[in-house]
Amino acid sequence: MTLWNDTLTEHRNKLNDHLIDTAIAAVREVGPAGVTMSGLAKRAGVSRQTLYNHFADVDAILVAHVQRE
């Protein structure tokens, strides 16, 4: 059971990092007002539902970026 939990946690952490990195790249290109969850999902190659499973909105992603740094 531990192996599965470790693998799942690792996957979730990697996906969170990917989503945050994608959001920051988008903010640098179009500014924060131009970033949408739909656009981020498409750019990150995930479904909108997957993105919303990880973050409530763009602001939450930006907060996660600040906390990560």
C-alpha atoms as a PDB file:
ATOM      1  CA  MET A   1       0.000   0.000   0.000  1.00  0.00           C
ATOM      2  CA  THR A   2       2.836   2.408   0.751  1.00  0.00           C
ATOM      3  CA  LEU A   3       4.307   2.023  -2.744  1.00  0.00           C
ATOM      4  CA  TRP A   4       0.972   2.979  -4.306  1.00  0.00           C
ATOM      5  CA  ASN A   5       0.594   6.006  -2.020  1.00  0.00           C
ATOM      6  CA  ASP A   6       4.157   7.148  -2.709  1.00  0.00           C
ATOM      7  CA  THR A   7       3.644   6.791  -6.439  1.00  0.00           C
ATOM      8  CA  LEU A   8       0.348   8.655  -6.344  1.00  0.00           C
ATOM      9  CA  THR A   9       1.803  11.441  -4.209  1.00  0.00           C
ATOM     10  CA  GLU A  10       4.799  11.748  -6.518  1.00  0.00           C
ATOM     11  CA  HIS A  11       2.535  11.908  -9.579  1.00  0.00           C
ATOM     12  CA  ARG A  12       0.329  14.552  -7.974  1.00  0.00           C
ATOM     13  CA  ASN A  13       3.347  16.659  -6.991  1.00  0.00           C
ATOM     14  CA  LYS A  14       4.810  16.467 -10.503  1.00  0.00           C
ATOM     15  CA  LEU A  15       1.472  17.401 -12.039  1.00  0.00           C
ATOM     16  CA  ASN A  16       1.067  20.333  -9.633  1.00  0.00           C
ATOM     17  CA  ASP A  17       4.540  21.575 -10.603  1.00  0.00           C
ATOM     18  CA  HIS A  18       3.687  21.230 -14.288  1.00  0.00           C
ATOM     19  CA  LEU A  19       0.439  23.160 -13.845  1.00  0.00           C
ATOM     20  CA  ILE A  20       2.143  25.915 -11.868  1.00  0.00           C
ATOM     21  CA  ASP A  21       4.974  26.192 -14.415  1.00  0.00           C
ATOM     22  CA  THR A  22       2.449  26.342 -17.250  1.00  0.00           C
ATOM     23  CA  ALA A  23       0.485  29.085 -15.488  1.00  0.00           C
ATOM     24  CA  ILE A  24       3.591  31.176 -14.833  1.00  0.00           C
ATOM     25  CA  ALA A  25       4.650  30.882 -18.470  1.00  0.00           C
ATOM     26  CA  ALA A  26       1.170  32.014 -19.552  1.00  0.00           C
ATOM     27  CA  VAL A  27       1.212  34.961 -17.140  1.00  0.00           C
ATOM     28  CA  ARG A  28       4.566  36.055 -18.549  1.00  0.00           C
ATOM     29  CA  GLU A  29       3.177  35.904 -22.088  1.00  0.00           C
ATOM     30  CA  VAL A  30      -0.261  37.475 -21.697  1.00  0.00           C
ATOM     31  CA  GLY A  31      -0.389  38.926 -18.185  1.00  0.00           C
ATOM     32  CA  PRO A  32      -2.492  37.660 -15.303  1.00  0.00           C
ATOM     33  CA  ALA A  33      -5.747  39.085 -16.654  1.00  0.00           C
ATOM     34  CA  GLY A  34      -5.350  37.086 -19.871  1.00  0.00           C
ATOM     35  CA  VAL A  35      -4.986  33.702 -18.181  1.00  0.00           C
ATOM     36  CA  THR A  36      -8.043  31.459 -17.918  1.00  0.00           C
ATOM     37  CA  MET A  37      -8.477  28.005 -16.461  1.00  0.00           C
ATOM     38  CA  SER A  38      -9.671  26.706 -19.845  1.00  0.00           C
ATOM     39  CA  GLY A  39      -6.638  28.145 -21.580  1.00  0.00           C
ATOM     40  CA  LEU A  40      -4.305  26.728 -18.935  1.00  0.00           C
ATOM     41  CA  ALA A  41      -5.848  23.276 -19.191  1.00  0.00           C
ATOM     42  CA  LYS A  42      -5.377  23.255 -22.949  1.00  0.00           C
ATOM     43  CA  ARG A  43      -1.836  24.591 -22.704  1.00  0.00           C
ATOM     44  CA  ALA A  44      -0.919  22.050 -19.990  1.00  0.00           C
ATOM     45  CA  GLY A  45      -2.439  19.158 -21.925  1.00  0.00           C
ATOM     46  CA  VAL A  46      -4.944  18.222 -19.233  1.00  0.00           C
ATOM     47  CA  SER A  47      -8.703  18.372 -18.967  1.00  0.00           C
ATOM     48  CA  ARG A  48     -10.350  21.306 -17.235  1.00  0.00           C
ATOM     49  CA  GLN A  49     -11.620  18.877 -14.598  1.00  0.00           C
ATOM     50  CA  THR A  50      -8.080  17.721 -13.855  1.00  0.00           C
ATOM     51  CA  LEU A  51      -6.957  21.327 -13.477  1.00  0.00           C
ATOM     52  CA  TYR A  52      -9.899  22.103 -11.172  1.00  0.00           C
ATOM     53  CA  ASN A  53      -9.127  18.955  -9.144  1.00  0.00           C
ATOM     54  CA  HIS A  54      -5.772  20.527  -8.314  1.00  0.00           C
ATOM     55  CA  PHE A  55      -6.592  24.251  -8.122  1.00  0.00           C
ATOM     56  CA  ALA A  56      -9.798  26.216  -7.583  1.00  0.00           C
ATOM     57  CA  ASP A  57      -8.814  29.095  -9.866  1.00  0.00           C
ATOM     58  CA  VAL A  58      -5.900  30.969 -11.424  1.00  0.00           C
ATOM     59  CA  ASP A  59      -5.307  32.893  -8.204  1.00  0.00           C
ATOM     60  CA  ALA A  60      -4.857  29.618  -6.318  1.00  0.00           C
ATOM     61  CA  ILE A  61      -2.213  28.556  -8.833  1.00  0.00           C
ATOM     62  CA  LEU A  62      -0.355  31.836  -8.412  1.00  0.00           C
ATOM     63  CA  VAL A  63      -0.491  31.493  -4.620  1.00  0.00           C
ATOM     64  CA  ALA A  64       0.904  27.958  -4.949  1.00  0.00           C
ATOM     65  CA  HIS A  65       3.730  29.364  -7.082  1.00  0.00           C
ATOM     66  CA  VAL A  66       4.646  31.905  -4.414  1.00  0.00           C
ATOM     67  CA  GLN A  67       4.515  29.239  -1.701  1.00  0.00           C
ATOM     68  CA  ARG A  68       6.644  26.878  -3.768  1.00  0.00           C
ATOM     69  CA  GLU A  69       9.316  29.506  -4.325  1.00  0.00           C
END
